Amino acid sequence: MIERILPAGLAVSEAFDDPADATLFPEEAAVVRNAVDSRRREFTTIRMCARRALAGLGLPPVPVLPGEGGAPRWPEAVVGSLTHCTGYRGAVLGRATEFAMIGIDAEPHAPLPEGILDATALPTERRHLRLLGAADPGVHWDRLLFCMKEAVFKAWYPFTGHALGFEDADISIDLAESTFDARILVPHTLGGGARLDRLEGRWLTGGGLALAAITVPVAQLPSTTAAP
C-alpha cells in the first residue's frame, strides 16, 4: 500500500496482521522479553518486514535493534524506516548510496484524541487544517498532520543526529497533489555550509489508514559547496 507514495529503488515490506511463524533473533527477543504479548507480536512482525526488505536489497537477515532515540540500527549500507499501528506494519529500506533520508509513518485514519492536536500543531497548521477540512471533510486532517510530523522526525533524526519536537516542523499540505512540505524551524547545516531546512513528502489515506512518507535521494540534498 505504501508503495503508492514512494519512488522507485526502495525495498518495501508490509503486513496487516501478525503471522504466527514470525521469529526474532535472540538479541531482538531480549528487547521485548518483559513486554506484553501485543507488543511482542508487533515487534516481531515489524522485524520480519525489515528482513524481507533487506532481502529485497539483496542483503542477508540481521538483528534490527533500537538505537539512540529508538530509531532502528541498520547495516552501514542501508537507510530505512519502520512503522506500525493497529492493523499495519511496514518497512521501507534503500541503499545509503542512493538515499540520504527515509521516514514513514502509519496511523489509524480516525480523529486524534482530544487535546492532541493543540499539543502537536502550530497555530498556522491549525488554521491550514480548518481550510482543508472545509475542502474535503472526509479526511481526518488532524491525524494526517500527526502522521506527517512522525515521518519527518523519523527521516530527520538518523541523518542529523538531532531530535525534533512537534513545534520544530511547520507543515503545509497540498490536497490536489497528495503531497506535503515540512519547513524545519531548526535547520541542519551540512558540510560546506549548506542548510537543510525543508523536506517534501507524500501522503495517502485508505483502508482505514493514514500514511505519510519522506524520501530524500542523495542527489537531492542541498549543495554542500559553500558559496564564495
N, C-alpha and C. Protein backbone atom coordinates (compact mmCIF):
# COMPACT_ATOMS: atom_id res chain seq x y z
N MET A 1 0.82 -1.21 0.00
CA MET A 1 0.00 0.00 0.00
C MET A 1 0.86 1.27 0.00
N ILE A 2 1.89 1.28 0.86
CA ILE A 2 2.72 2.48 0.96
C ILE A 2 3.56 2.70 -0.29
N GLU A 3 3.74 1.67 -1.11
CA GLU A 3 4.50 1.82 -2.34
C GLU A 3 3.90 2.89 -3.26
N ARG A 4 2.61 3.15 -3.10
CA ARG A 4 1.93 4.14 -3.96
C ARG A 4 2.46 5.55 -3.73
N ILE A 5 3.13 5.80 -2.60
CA ILE A 5 3.64 7.14 -2.33
C ILE A 5 5.17 7.14 -2.19
N LEU A 6 5.81 6.13 -2.77
CA LEU A 6 7.27 6.02 -2.70
C LEU A 6 7.87 6.04 -4.10
N PRO A 7 9.09 6.55 -4.23
CA PRO A 7 9.77 6.49 -5.53
C PRO A 7 10.31 5.09 -5.80
N ALA A 8 10.75 4.88 -7.02
CA ALA A 8 11.38 3.60 -7.36
C ALA A 8 12.72 3.48 -6.65
N GLY A 9 13.19 2.23 -6.54
CA GLY A 9 14.51 1.99 -5.99
C GLY A 9 14.53 1.63 -4.52
N LEU A 10 13.36 1.54 -3.89
CA LEU A 10 13.27 1.20 -2.48
C LEU A 10 12.73 -0.21 -2.31
N ALA A 11 13.12 -0.85 -1.23
CA ALA A 11 12.58 -2.17 -0.88
C ALA A 11 11.51 -1.98 0.18
N VAL A 12 10.35 -2.58 -0.05
CA VAL A 12 9.19 -2.36 0.82
C VAL A 12 8.63 -3.71 1.27
N SER A 13 8.26 -3.79 2.53
CA SER A 13 7.55 -4.96 3.04
C SER A 13 6.47 -4.49 4.00
N GLU A 14 5.26 -5.04 3.85
CA GLU A 14 4.13 -4.67 4.68
C GLU A 14 3.45 -5.92 5.24
N ALA A 15 2.78 -5.76 6.37
CA ALA A 15 1.96 -6.83 6.94
C ALA A 15 0.73 -6.19 7.57
N PHE A 16 -0.38 -6.91 7.48
CA PHE A 16 -1.64 -6.39 8.01
C PHE A 16 -2.15 -7.23 9.18
N ASP A 17 -1.32 -8.20 9.59
CA ASP A 17 -1.59 -8.98 10.80
C ASP A 17 -0.25 -9.47 11.33
N ASP A 18 -0.28 -10.30 12.36
CA ASP A 18 0.95 -10.81 12.97
C ASP A 18 1.06 -12.31 12.72
N PRO A 19 1.84 -12.73 11.71
CA PRO A 19 1.96 -14.15 11.39
C PRO A 19 2.54 -14.95 12.57
N ALA A 20 1.99 -16.12 12.78
CA ALA A 20 2.44 -16.96 13.90
C ALA A 20 3.87 -17.46 13.71
N ASP A 21 4.34 -17.53 12.44
CA ASP A 21 5.67 -18.10 12.19
C ASP A 21 6.78 -17.04 12.18
N ALA A 22 6.46 -15.78 12.46
CA ALA A 22 7.49 -14.75 12.51
C ALA A 22 8.37 -14.97 13.75
N THR A 23 9.68 -14.81 13.58
CA THR A 23 10.62 -15.09 14.67
C THR A 23 11.58 -13.92 14.86
N LEU A 24 12.28 -13.96 16.00
CA LEU A 24 13.25 -12.93 16.33
C LEU A 24 14.63 -13.53 16.53
N PHE A 25 15.66 -12.73 16.29
CA PHE A 25 17.00 -13.08 16.73
C PHE A 25 17.03 -12.98 18.27
N PRO A 26 17.92 -13.73 18.91
CA PRO A 26 17.99 -13.65 20.38
C PRO A 26 18.17 -12.23 20.91
N GLU A 27 18.99 -11.43 20.24
CA GLU A 27 19.20 -10.05 20.68
C GLU A 27 17.92 -9.24 20.64
N GLU A 28 17.10 -9.49 19.62
CA GLU A 28 15.83 -8.79 19.50
C GLU A 28 14.84 -9.26 20.55
N ALA A 29 14.81 -10.58 20.76
CA ALA A 29 13.90 -11.14 21.77
C ALA A 29 14.18 -10.55 23.14
N ALA A 30 15.44 -10.26 23.43
CA ALA A 30 15.79 -9.69 24.72
C ALA A 30 15.18 -8.31 24.92
N VAL A 31 15.00 -7.58 23.83
CA VAL A 31 14.44 -6.22 23.92
C VAL A 31 13.01 -6.25 24.43
N VAL A 32 12.25 -7.28 24.03
CA VAL A 32 10.82 -7.34 24.38
C VAL A 32 10.52 -8.48 25.35
N ARG A 33 11.55 -8.92 26.06
CA ARG A 33 11.36 -10.06 26.97
C ARG A 33 10.26 -9.80 27.99
N ASN A 34 10.17 -8.58 28.48
CA ASN A 34 9.20 -8.27 29.52
C ASN A 34 7.98 -7.50 28.99
N ALA A 35 7.85 -7.42 27.68
CA ALA A 35 6.73 -6.68 27.09
C ALA A 35 5.46 -7.52 27.10
N VAL A 36 4.32 -6.85 27.00
CA VAL A 36 3.05 -7.56 26.90
C VAL A 36 2.98 -8.26 25.55
N ASP A 37 2.09 -9.22 25.43
CA ASP A 37 2.03 -10.06 24.24
C ASP A 37 1.80 -9.25 22.97
N SER A 38 0.91 -8.28 23.01
CA SER A 38 0.62 -7.50 21.81
C SER A 38 1.86 -6.74 21.33
N ARG A 39 2.65 -6.22 22.28
CA ARG A 39 3.87 -5.52 21.92
C ARG A 39 4.89 -6.48 21.33
N ARG A 40 5.03 -7.68 21.89
CA ARG A 40 5.97 -8.66 21.33
C ARG A 40 5.58 -9.06 19.91
N ARG A 41 4.29 -9.28 19.67
CA ARG A 41 3.86 -9.68 18.33
C ARG A 41 4.10 -8.57 17.33
N GLU A 42 3.79 -7.36 17.72
CA GLU A 42 4.02 -6.20 16.85
C GLU A 42 5.50 -6.05 16.53
N PHE A 43 6.34 -6.14 17.54
CA PHE A 43 7.79 -6.02 17.39
C PHE A 43 8.33 -7.12 16.48
N THR A 44 7.82 -8.33 16.66
CA THR A 44 8.28 -9.46 15.85
C THR A 44 7.90 -9.29 14.39
N THR A 45 6.67 -8.88 14.13
CA THR A 45 6.21 -8.72 12.75
C THR A 45 6.98 -7.63 12.03
N ILE A 46 7.24 -6.52 12.70
CA ILE A 46 7.95 -5.44 12.02
C ILE A 46 9.39 -5.84 11.73
N ARG A 47 9.98 -6.69 12.57
CA ARG A 47 11.32 -7.21 12.25
C ARG A 47 11.27 -8.17 11.08
N MET A 48 10.21 -8.96 10.98
CA MET A 48 10.03 -9.81 9.80
C MET A 48 9.96 -8.94 8.54
N CYS A 49 9.20 -7.84 8.60
CA CYS A 49 9.12 -6.93 7.46
C CYS A 49 10.49 -6.35 7.13
N ALA A 50 11.24 -5.98 8.17
CA ALA A 50 12.57 -5.41 7.94
C ALA A 50 13.47 -6.39 7.21
N ARG A 51 13.42 -7.67 7.61
CA ARG A 51 14.30 -8.66 6.96
C ARG A 51 13.84 -8.95 5.54
N ARG A 52 12.56 -8.91 5.29
CA ARG A 52 12.08 -9.07 3.91
C ARG A 52 12.56 -7.91 3.04
N ALA A 53 12.55 -6.70 3.61
CA ALA A 53 13.03 -5.54 2.85
C ALA A 53 14.53 -5.63 2.63
N LEU A 54 15.28 -6.09 3.64
CA LEU A 54 16.72 -6.30 3.44
C LEU A 54 16.96 -7.29 2.30
N ALA A 55 16.18 -8.37 2.29
CA ALA A 55 16.31 -9.35 1.21
C ALA A 55 16.02 -8.71 -0.14
N GLY A 56 15.07 -7.77 -0.15
CA GLY A 56 14.75 -7.07 -1.39
C GLY A 56 15.91 -6.24 -1.92
N LEU A 57 16.85 -5.89 -1.03
CA LEU A 57 18.07 -5.18 -1.45
C LEU A 57 19.22 -6.15 -1.68
N GLY A 58 18.93 -7.46 -1.56
CA GLY A 58 19.98 -8.46 -1.74
C GLY A 58 20.88 -8.63 -0.54
N LEU A 59 20.39 -8.25 0.65
CA LEU A 59 21.20 -8.31 1.86
C LEU A 59 20.71 -9.41 2.78
N PRO A 60 21.61 -9.98 3.60
CA PRO A 60 21.23 -11.08 4.48
C PRO A 60 20.43 -10.59 5.69
N PRO A 61 19.69 -11.49 6.35
CA PRO A 61 18.95 -11.11 7.55
C PRO A 61 19.90 -10.79 8.70
N VAL A 62 19.60 -9.75 9.44
CA VAL A 62 20.39 -9.37 10.61
C VAL A 62 19.44 -8.88 11.69
N PRO A 63 19.89 -8.88 12.96
CA PRO A 63 19.05 -8.28 14.01
C PRO A 63 18.85 -6.80 13.74
N VAL A 64 17.65 -6.32 13.99
CA VAL A 64 17.34 -4.90 13.85
C VAL A 64 16.96 -4.39 15.24
N LEU A 65 17.93 -3.75 15.88
CA LEU A 65 17.77 -3.34 17.27
C LEU A 65 17.53 -1.83 17.37
N PRO A 66 16.82 -1.40 18.39
CA PRO A 66 16.63 0.04 18.59
C PRO A 66 17.94 0.70 18.98
N GLY A 67 18.21 1.85 18.38
CA GLY A 67 19.38 2.63 18.74
C GLY A 67 18.99 3.84 19.57
N GLU A 68 19.82 4.87 19.53
CA GLU A 68 19.52 6.09 20.26
C GLU A 68 18.24 6.70 19.72
N GLY A 69 17.41 7.18 20.64
CA GLY A 69 16.15 7.78 20.23
C GLY A 69 15.13 6.78 19.74
N GLY A 70 15.45 5.48 19.84
CA GLY A 70 14.52 4.46 19.40
C GLY A 70 14.58 4.14 17.92
N ALA A 71 15.40 4.89 17.16
CA ALA A 71 15.50 4.64 15.72
C ALA A 71 16.18 3.29 15.48
N PRO A 72 15.70 2.51 14.52
CA PRO A 72 16.33 1.21 14.24
C PRO A 72 17.75 1.38 13.74
N ARG A 73 18.62 0.46 14.14
CA ARG A 73 20.01 0.45 13.68
C ARG A 73 20.10 -0.48 12.47
N TRP A 74 20.49 0.10 11.33
CA TRP A 74 20.58 -0.65 10.08
C TRP A 74 22.03 -0.96 9.77
N PRO A 75 22.25 -1.96 8.90
CA PRO A 75 23.61 -2.15 8.37
C PRO A 75 24.10 -0.85 7.74
N GLU A 76 25.42 -0.69 7.70
CA GLU A 76 26.02 0.57 7.27
C GLU A 76 25.56 1.00 5.88
N ALA A 77 25.28 0.05 5.01
CA ALA A 77 24.94 0.38 3.63
C ALA A 77 23.48 0.71 3.43
N VAL A 78 22.70 0.76 4.53
CA VAL A 78 21.24 0.84 4.42
C VAL A 78 20.71 2.07 5.14
N VAL A 79 19.69 2.69 4.55
CA VAL A 79 18.88 3.72 5.19
C VAL A 79 17.45 3.19 5.20
N GLY A 80 16.74 3.38 6.31
CA GLY A 80 15.39 2.82 6.34
C GLY A 80 14.53 3.40 7.43
N SER A 81 13.28 2.96 7.43
CA SER A 81 12.32 3.42 8.42
C SER A 81 11.28 2.33 8.63
N LEU A 82 10.78 2.24 9.87
CA LEU A 82 9.74 1.28 10.23
C LEU A 82 8.53 2.03 10.77
N THR A 83 7.37 1.42 10.63
CA THR A 83 6.18 1.99 11.24
C THR A 83 5.21 0.88 11.58
N HIS A 84 4.38 1.13 12.57
CA HIS A 84 3.35 0.16 12.93
C HIS A 84 2.20 0.88 13.63
N CYS A 85 1.02 0.37 13.41
CA CYS A 85 -0.16 0.81 14.12
C CYS A 85 -1.15 -0.35 14.08
N THR A 86 -2.30 -0.20 14.65
CA THR A 86 -3.28 -1.27 14.64
C THR A 86 -3.59 -1.70 13.20
N GLY A 87 -3.34 -2.95 12.88
CA GLY A 87 -3.65 -3.47 11.56
C GLY A 87 -2.64 -3.20 10.48
N TYR A 88 -1.48 -2.66 10.83
CA TYR A 88 -0.49 -2.37 9.79
C TYR A 88 0.91 -2.36 10.38
N ARG A 89 1.85 -2.97 9.65
CA ARG A 89 3.27 -2.89 9.93
C ARG A 89 3.98 -2.69 8.58
N GLY A 90 4.97 -1.82 8.55
CA GLY A 90 5.66 -1.57 7.30
C GLY A 90 7.12 -1.24 7.48
N ALA A 91 7.93 -1.64 6.51
CA ALA A 91 9.36 -1.34 6.49
C ALA A 91 9.72 -0.86 5.09
N VAL A 92 10.49 0.22 5.03
CA VAL A 92 10.96 0.77 3.75
C VAL A 92 12.46 1.00 3.88
N LEU A 93 13.23 0.40 2.98
CA LEU A 93 14.69 0.49 3.02
C LEU A 93 15.23 0.89 1.66
N GLY A 94 16.36 1.60 1.70
CA GLY A 94 17.06 1.96 0.48
C GLY A 94 18.55 1.87 0.70
N ARG A 95 19.29 1.89 -0.37
CA ARG A 95 20.75 1.86 -0.27
C ARG A 95 21.25 3.26 0.11
N ALA A 96 22.20 3.31 1.04
CA ALA A 96 22.71 4.59 1.51
C ALA A 96 23.43 5.37 0.42
N THR A 97 23.87 4.69 -0.62
CA THR A 97 24.49 5.40 -1.74
C THR A 97 23.46 6.13 -2.59
N GLU A 98 22.18 5.76 -2.44
CA GLU A 98 21.12 6.35 -3.26
C GLU A 98 20.19 7.25 -2.46
N PHE A 99 19.95 6.91 -1.19
CA PHE A 99 19.01 7.67 -0.38
C PHE A 99 19.68 8.15 0.90
N ALA A 100 19.49 9.45 1.19
CA ALA A 100 20.06 10.03 2.40
C ALA A 100 19.11 9.91 3.58
N MET A 101 17.81 10.02 3.33
CA MET A 101 16.82 10.05 4.40
C MET A 101 15.56 9.31 3.97
N ILE A 102 15.01 8.53 4.89
CA ILE A 102 13.72 7.86 4.68
C ILE A 102 12.96 7.94 6.00
N GLY A 103 11.72 8.37 5.92
CA GLY A 103 10.86 8.38 7.10
C GLY A 103 9.45 8.04 6.70
N ILE A 104 8.86 7.03 7.35
CA ILE A 104 7.48 6.64 7.05
C ILE A 104 6.70 6.57 8.35
N ASP A 105 5.39 6.79 8.25
CA ASP A 105 4.53 6.61 9.41
C ASP A 105 3.14 6.19 8.95
N ALA A 106 2.52 5.35 9.75
CA ALA A 106 1.15 4.90 9.53
C ALA A 106 0.35 5.14 10.80
N GLU A 107 -0.86 5.60 10.63
CA GLU A 107 -1.77 5.85 11.76
C GLU A 107 -3.16 5.39 11.37
N PRO A 108 -3.99 5.03 12.35
CA PRO A 108 -5.40 4.77 12.03
C PRO A 108 -6.03 6.04 11.47
N HIS A 109 -6.79 5.91 10.40
CA HIS A 109 -7.43 7.09 9.82
C HIS A 109 -8.69 7.41 10.62
N ALA A 110 -8.48 8.09 11.73
CA ALA A 110 -9.54 8.45 12.65
C ALA A 110 -9.12 9.74 13.35
N PRO A 111 -10.07 10.47 13.94
CA PRO A 111 -9.69 11.71 14.62
C PRO A 111 -8.69 11.46 15.74
N LEU A 112 -7.82 12.44 15.96
CA LEU A 112 -6.91 12.36 17.09
C LEU A 112 -7.70 12.45 18.40
N PRO A 113 -7.20 11.83 19.45
CA PRO A 113 -7.84 12.02 20.77
C PRO A 113 -7.86 13.50 21.14
N GLU A 114 -8.83 13.87 21.92
CA GLU A 114 -8.99 15.27 22.31
C GLU A 114 -7.73 15.80 22.98
N GLY A 115 -7.33 17.00 22.57
CA GLY A 115 -6.18 17.66 23.16
C GLY A 115 -4.87 17.42 22.44
N ILE A 116 -4.80 16.37 21.63
CA ILE A 116 -3.52 16.05 20.98
C ILE A 116 -3.17 17.08 19.91
N LEU A 117 -4.16 17.52 19.15
CA LEU A 117 -3.87 18.48 18.09
C LEU A 117 -3.29 19.77 18.66
N ASP A 118 -3.89 20.28 19.73
CA ASP A 118 -3.39 21.52 20.33
C ASP A 118 -1.96 21.36 20.83
N ALA A 119 -1.60 20.14 21.23
CA ALA A 119 -0.26 19.89 21.77
C ALA A 119 0.78 19.65 20.69
N THR A 120 0.35 19.35 19.46
CA THR A 120 1.30 18.95 18.41
C THR A 120 1.30 19.85 17.19
N ALA A 121 0.30 20.70 17.02
CA ALA A 121 0.19 21.52 15.81
C ALA A 121 0.47 22.98 16.13
N LEU A 122 1.18 23.64 15.23
CA LEU A 122 1.40 25.08 15.34
C LEU A 122 0.12 25.83 14.98
N PRO A 123 -0.02 27.09 15.43
CA PRO A 123 -1.23 27.85 15.06
C PRO A 123 -1.44 27.94 13.55
N THR A 124 -0.37 28.12 12.78
CA THR A 124 -0.51 28.18 11.33
C THR A 124 -1.04 26.86 10.78
N GLU A 125 -0.60 25.76 11.36
CA GLU A 125 -1.07 24.44 10.91
C GLU A 125 -2.54 24.23 11.24
N ARG A 126 -2.96 24.67 12.40
CA ARG A 126 -4.37 24.51 12.77
C ARG A 126 -5.27 25.30 11.84
N ARG A 127 -4.84 26.50 11.47
CA ARG A 127 -5.62 27.29 10.51
C ARG A 127 -5.67 26.58 9.16
N HIS A 128 -4.55 26.02 8.75
CA HIS A 128 -4.47 25.29 7.48
C HIS A 128 -5.41 24.08 7.50
N LEU A 129 -5.47 23.38 8.60
CA LEU A 129 -6.34 22.21 8.71
C LEU A 129 -7.80 22.59 8.60
N ARG A 130 -8.17 23.74 9.13
CA ARG A 130 -9.57 24.17 9.02
C ARG A 130 -9.96 24.38 7.56
N LEU A 131 -9.06 24.95 6.77
CA LEU A 131 -9.33 25.15 5.35
C LEU A 131 -9.42 23.81 4.62
N LEU A 132 -8.51 22.89 4.95
CA LEU A 132 -8.55 21.57 4.33
C LEU A 132 -9.82 20.82 4.71
N GLY A 133 -10.24 20.95 5.96
CA GLY A 133 -11.46 20.28 6.40
C GLY A 133 -12.69 20.77 5.66
N ALA A 134 -12.71 22.05 5.34
CA ALA A 134 -13.82 22.59 4.56
C ALA A 134 -13.78 22.08 3.12
N ALA A 135 -12.56 21.90 2.59
CA ALA A 135 -12.42 21.44 1.21
C ALA A 135 -12.70 19.96 1.06
N ASP A 136 -12.31 19.15 2.05
CA ASP A 136 -12.53 17.70 2.00
C ASP A 136 -12.76 17.19 3.42
N PRO A 137 -14.01 17.20 3.88
CA PRO A 137 -14.30 16.76 5.25
C PRO A 137 -14.17 15.26 5.44
N GLY A 138 -13.95 14.49 4.38
CA GLY A 138 -13.81 13.05 4.51
C GLY A 138 -12.45 12.60 4.99
N VAL A 139 -11.49 13.52 5.06
CA VAL A 139 -10.14 13.20 5.53
C VAL A 139 -9.99 13.70 6.97
N HIS A 140 -9.42 12.88 7.81
CA HIS A 140 -9.12 13.30 9.19
C HIS A 140 -7.78 14.02 9.17
N TRP A 141 -7.83 15.30 8.88
CA TRP A 141 -6.61 16.07 8.65
C TRP A 141 -5.75 16.18 9.90
N ASP A 142 -6.39 16.19 11.07
CA ASP A 142 -5.59 16.26 12.29
C ASP A 142 -4.70 15.02 12.43
N ARG A 143 -5.27 13.85 12.16
CA ARG A 143 -4.48 12.62 12.24
C ARG A 143 -3.41 12.59 11.15
N LEU A 144 -3.76 13.07 9.98
CA LEU A 144 -2.79 13.05 8.88
C LEU A 144 -1.61 13.98 9.18
N LEU A 145 -1.88 15.14 9.77
CA LEU A 145 -0.80 16.03 10.15
C LEU A 145 0.13 15.36 11.17
N PHE A 146 -0.45 14.70 12.16
CA PHE A 146 0.34 13.98 13.15
C PHE A 146 1.22 12.94 12.46
N CYS A 147 0.64 12.21 11.52
CA CYS A 147 1.36 11.19 10.76
C CYS A 147 2.53 11.79 9.99
N MET A 148 2.30 12.93 9.37
CA MET A 148 3.36 13.60 8.62
C MET A 148 4.50 14.03 9.52
N LYS A 149 4.17 14.57 10.68
CA LYS A 149 5.22 15.00 11.60
C LYS A 149 6.06 13.81 12.05
N GLU A 150 5.42 12.69 12.31
CA GLU A 150 6.17 11.50 12.70
C GLU A 150 7.12 11.07 11.58
N ALA A 151 6.65 11.12 10.33
CA ALA A 151 7.51 10.77 9.20
C ALA A 151 8.70 11.72 9.11
N VAL A 152 8.46 13.00 9.35
CA VAL A 152 9.54 13.98 9.35
C VAL A 152 10.58 13.63 10.40
N PHE A 153 10.12 13.34 11.62
CA PHE A 153 11.05 13.04 12.72
C PHE A 153 11.88 11.80 12.41
N LYS A 154 11.22 10.78 11.83
CA LYS A 154 11.92 9.53 11.54
C LYS A 154 12.96 9.70 10.44
N ALA A 155 12.71 10.61 9.52
CA ALA A 155 13.69 10.89 8.47
C ALA A 155 14.84 11.74 9.01
N TRP A 156 14.51 12.71 9.85
CA TRP A 156 15.46 13.73 10.29
C TRP A 156 16.49 13.19 11.27
N TYR A 157 16.04 12.48 12.30
CA TYR A 157 16.94 12.11 13.39
C TYR A 157 18.11 11.22 12.96
N PRO A 158 17.88 10.13 12.21
CA PRO A 158 19.03 9.29 11.84
C PRO A 158 20.06 10.03 10.99
N PHE A 159 19.61 10.99 10.20
CA PHE A 159 20.53 11.70 9.30
C PHE A 159 21.30 12.79 10.04
N THR A 160 20.61 13.55 10.90
CA THR A 160 21.23 14.71 11.55
C THR A 160 21.76 14.39 12.94
N GLY A 161 21.19 13.38 13.61
CA GLY A 161 21.53 13.11 14.99
C GLY A 161 20.83 14.02 15.98
N HIS A 162 19.90 14.84 15.50
CA HIS A 162 19.18 15.78 16.36
C HIS A 162 17.68 15.47 16.32
N ALA A 163 17.08 15.36 17.49
CA ALA A 163 15.64 15.10 17.57
C ALA A 163 14.87 16.40 17.37
N LEU A 164 13.71 16.28 16.76
CA LEU A 164 12.81 17.41 16.58
C LEU A 164 11.62 17.28 17.52
N GLY A 165 11.13 18.42 17.98
CA GLY A 165 9.85 18.45 18.68
C GLY A 165 8.74 18.75 17.70
N PHE A 166 7.50 18.55 18.14
CA PHE A 166 6.38 18.82 17.24
C PHE A 166 6.36 20.27 16.78
N GLU A 167 6.90 21.17 17.61
CA GLU A 167 6.89 22.59 17.28
C GLU A 167 8.00 22.97 16.32
N ASP A 168 8.87 22.02 15.96
CA ASP A 168 10.04 22.33 15.14
C ASP A 168 9.82 22.11 13.65
N ALA A 169 8.65 21.64 13.27
CA ALA A 169 8.36 21.42 11.85
C ALA A 169 7.01 22.05 11.52
N ASP A 170 7.00 22.95 10.57
CA ASP A 170 5.77 23.63 10.13
C ASP A 170 5.35 23.02 8.80
N ILE A 171 4.23 22.32 8.80
CA ILE A 171 3.83 21.51 7.65
C ILE A 171 2.66 22.16 6.91
N SER A 172 2.77 22.20 5.61
CA SER A 172 1.66 22.59 4.75
C SER A 172 1.33 21.42 3.83
N ILE A 173 0.05 21.23 3.57
CA ILE A 173 -0.44 20.05 2.86
C ILE A 173 -1.09 20.48 1.55
N ASP A 174 -0.74 19.79 0.48
CA ASP A 174 -1.35 20.02 -0.83
C ASP A 174 -2.38 18.93 -1.06
N LEU A 175 -3.64 19.32 -1.08
CA LEU A 175 -4.73 18.35 -1.26
C LEU A 175 -4.75 17.80 -2.67
N ALA A 176 -4.57 18.65 -3.66
CA ALA A 176 -4.69 18.21 -5.05
C ALA A 176 -3.59 17.24 -5.44
N GLU A 177 -2.38 17.45 -4.94
CA GLU A 177 -1.23 16.64 -5.35
C GLU A 177 -0.91 15.52 -4.36
N SER A 178 -1.61 15.48 -3.22
CA SER A 178 -1.33 14.49 -2.16
C SER A 178 0.14 14.54 -1.73
N THR A 179 0.62 15.77 -1.56
CA THR A 179 1.99 15.99 -1.10
C THR A 179 1.96 16.88 0.14
N PHE A 180 3.09 16.98 0.80
CA PHE A 180 3.21 17.93 1.90
C PHE A 180 4.63 18.47 1.95
N ASP A 181 4.75 19.64 2.55
CA ASP A 181 6.02 20.33 2.66
C ASP A 181 6.27 20.61 4.13
N ALA A 182 7.42 20.23 4.64
CA ALA A 182 7.78 20.46 6.04
C ALA A 182 8.92 21.47 6.10
N ARG A 183 8.63 22.62 6.67
CA ARG A 183 9.68 23.63 6.88
C ARG A 183 10.26 23.39 8.27
N ILE A 184 11.54 23.06 8.33
CA ILE A 184 12.19 22.75 9.59
C ILE A 184 12.66 24.06 10.23
N LEU A 185 12.16 24.34 11.43
CA LEU A 185 12.43 25.61 12.09
C LEU A 185 13.75 25.63 12.84
N VAL A 186 14.41 24.48 12.92
CA VAL A 186 15.77 24.39 13.49
C VAL A 186 16.65 23.72 12.43
N PRO A 187 17.07 24.46 11.41
CA PRO A 187 17.77 23.87 10.26
C PRO A 187 19.05 23.15 10.67
N HIS A 188 19.45 22.22 9.80
CA HIS A 188 20.69 21.48 9.99
C HIS A 188 21.70 21.96 8.95
N THR A 189 22.93 22.20 9.38
CA THR A 189 23.98 22.65 8.47
C THR A 189 24.79 21.47 7.99
N LEU A 190 24.85 21.31 6.69
CA LEU A 190 25.64 20.25 6.07
C LEU A 190 27.08 20.71 5.89
N GLY A 191 27.94 19.76 5.54
CA GLY A 191 29.32 20.13 5.23
C GLY A 191 29.36 21.15 4.11
N GLY A 192 30.23 22.14 4.25
CA GLY A 192 30.32 23.19 3.24
C GLY A 192 29.40 24.35 3.50
N GLY A 193 28.56 24.22 4.54
CA GLY A 193 27.71 25.35 4.93
C GLY A 193 26.30 25.33 4.37
N ALA A 194 25.96 24.35 3.53
CA ALA A 194 24.60 24.29 3.00
C ALA A 194 23.62 23.97 4.13
N ARG A 195 22.42 24.56 4.05
CA ARG A 195 21.40 24.37 5.09
C ARG A 195 20.33 23.42 4.61
N LEU A 196 20.01 22.47 5.46
CA LEU A 196 18.89 21.57 5.22
C LEU A 196 17.74 22.07 6.10
N ASP A 197 16.73 22.64 5.48
CA ASP A 197 15.65 23.24 6.26
C ASP A 197 14.26 22.95 5.69
N ARG A 198 14.18 22.02 4.76
CA ARG A 198 12.89 21.71 4.16
C ARG A 198 12.87 20.26 3.68
N LEU A 199 11.78 19.57 3.96
CA LEU A 199 11.59 18.21 3.49
C LEU A 199 10.24 18.14 2.78
N GLU A 200 10.19 17.33 1.74
CA GLU A 200 8.95 17.14 1.00
C GLU A 200 8.52 15.67 1.10
N GLY A 201 7.22 15.46 1.18
CA GLY A 201 6.71 14.10 1.30
C GLY A 201 5.40 13.91 0.56
N ARG A 202 4.92 12.67 0.64
CA ARG A 202 3.64 12.32 0.03
C ARG A 202 2.77 11.64 1.08
N TRP A 203 1.45 11.71 0.86
CA TRP A 203 0.52 11.13 1.82
C TRP A 203 -0.58 10.36 1.11
N LEU A 204 -1.22 9.50 1.89
CA LEU A 204 -2.26 8.63 1.33
C LEU A 204 -3.19 8.24 2.46
N THR A 205 -4.48 8.17 2.16
CA THR A 205 -5.45 7.58 3.08
C THR A 205 -6.22 6.49 2.34
N GLY A 206 -6.58 5.45 3.09
CA GLY A 206 -7.33 4.35 2.50
C GLY A 206 -7.22 3.12 3.37
N GLY A 207 -8.21 2.25 3.28
CA GLY A 207 -8.17 1.02 4.05
C GLY A 207 -8.13 1.24 5.54
N GLY A 208 -8.69 2.38 5.99
CA GLY A 208 -8.67 2.68 7.41
C GLY A 208 -7.37 3.24 7.92
N LEU A 209 -6.44 3.60 7.01
CA LEU A 209 -5.11 4.06 7.41
C LEU A 209 -4.81 5.44 6.85
N ALA A 210 -3.98 6.17 7.58
CA ALA A 210 -3.33 7.38 7.07
C ALA A 210 -1.84 7.06 6.98
N LEU A 211 -1.24 7.36 5.84
CA LEU A 211 0.17 7.05 5.60
C LEU A 211 0.90 8.29 5.11
N ALA A 212 2.13 8.46 5.57
CA ALA A 212 2.98 9.55 5.10
C ALA A 212 4.38 9.03 4.90
N ALA A 213 5.05 9.56 3.88
CA ALA A 213 6.41 9.10 3.58
C ALA A 213 7.26 10.27 3.10
N ILE A 214 8.49 10.29 3.60
CA ILE A 214 9.50 11.24 3.15
C ILE A 214 10.70 10.44 2.66
N THR A 215 11.16 10.73 1.47
CA THR A 215 12.38 10.11 0.94
C THR A 215 13.23 11.21 0.32
N VAL A 216 14.49 11.24 0.69
CA VAL A 216 15.40 12.24 0.15
C VAL A 216 16.56 11.53 -0.54
N PRO A 217 16.57 11.49 -1.87
CA PRO A 217 17.72 10.92 -2.57
C PRO A 217 18.98 11.71 -2.28
N VAL A 218 20.10 11.03 -2.25
CA VAL A 218 21.38 11.70 -2.02
C VAL A 218 21.57 12.84 -3.02
N ALA A 219 21.16 12.60 -4.25
CA ALA A 219 21.36 13.62 -5.30
C ALA A 219 20.54 14.88 -5.08
N GLN A 220 19.52 14.80 -4.21
CA GLN A 220 18.66 15.96 -3.97
C GLN A 220 18.99 16.72 -2.68
N LEU A 221 20.05 16.30 -1.99
CA LEU A 221 20.48 17.08 -0.83
C LEU A 221 20.96 18.47 -1.29
N PRO A 222 20.77 19.48 -0.43
CA PRO A 222 21.31 20.80 -0.80
C PRO A 222 22.80 20.70 -1.08
N SER A 223 23.27 21.53 -2.00
CA SER A 223 24.68 21.52 -2.36
C SER A 223 25.55 21.76 -1.13
N THR A 224 26.58 20.96 -1.00
CA THR A 224 27.50 21.12 0.13
C THR A 224 28.68 22.01 -0.21
N THR A 225 28.61 22.67 -1.34
CA THR A 225 29.65 23.62 -1.71
C THR A 225 29.33 24.99 -1.17
N ALA A 226 30.16 25.50 -0.32
CA ALA A 226 29.90 26.79 0.30
C ALA A 226 29.94 27.89 -0.74
N ALA A 227 29.05 28.88 -0.59
CA ALA A 227 29.04 30.00 -1.50
C ALA A 227 30.29 30.85 -1.29
N PRO A 228 30.85 31.45 -2.34
CA PRO A 228 32.06 32.27 -2.18
C PRO A 228 31.77 33.54 -1.40
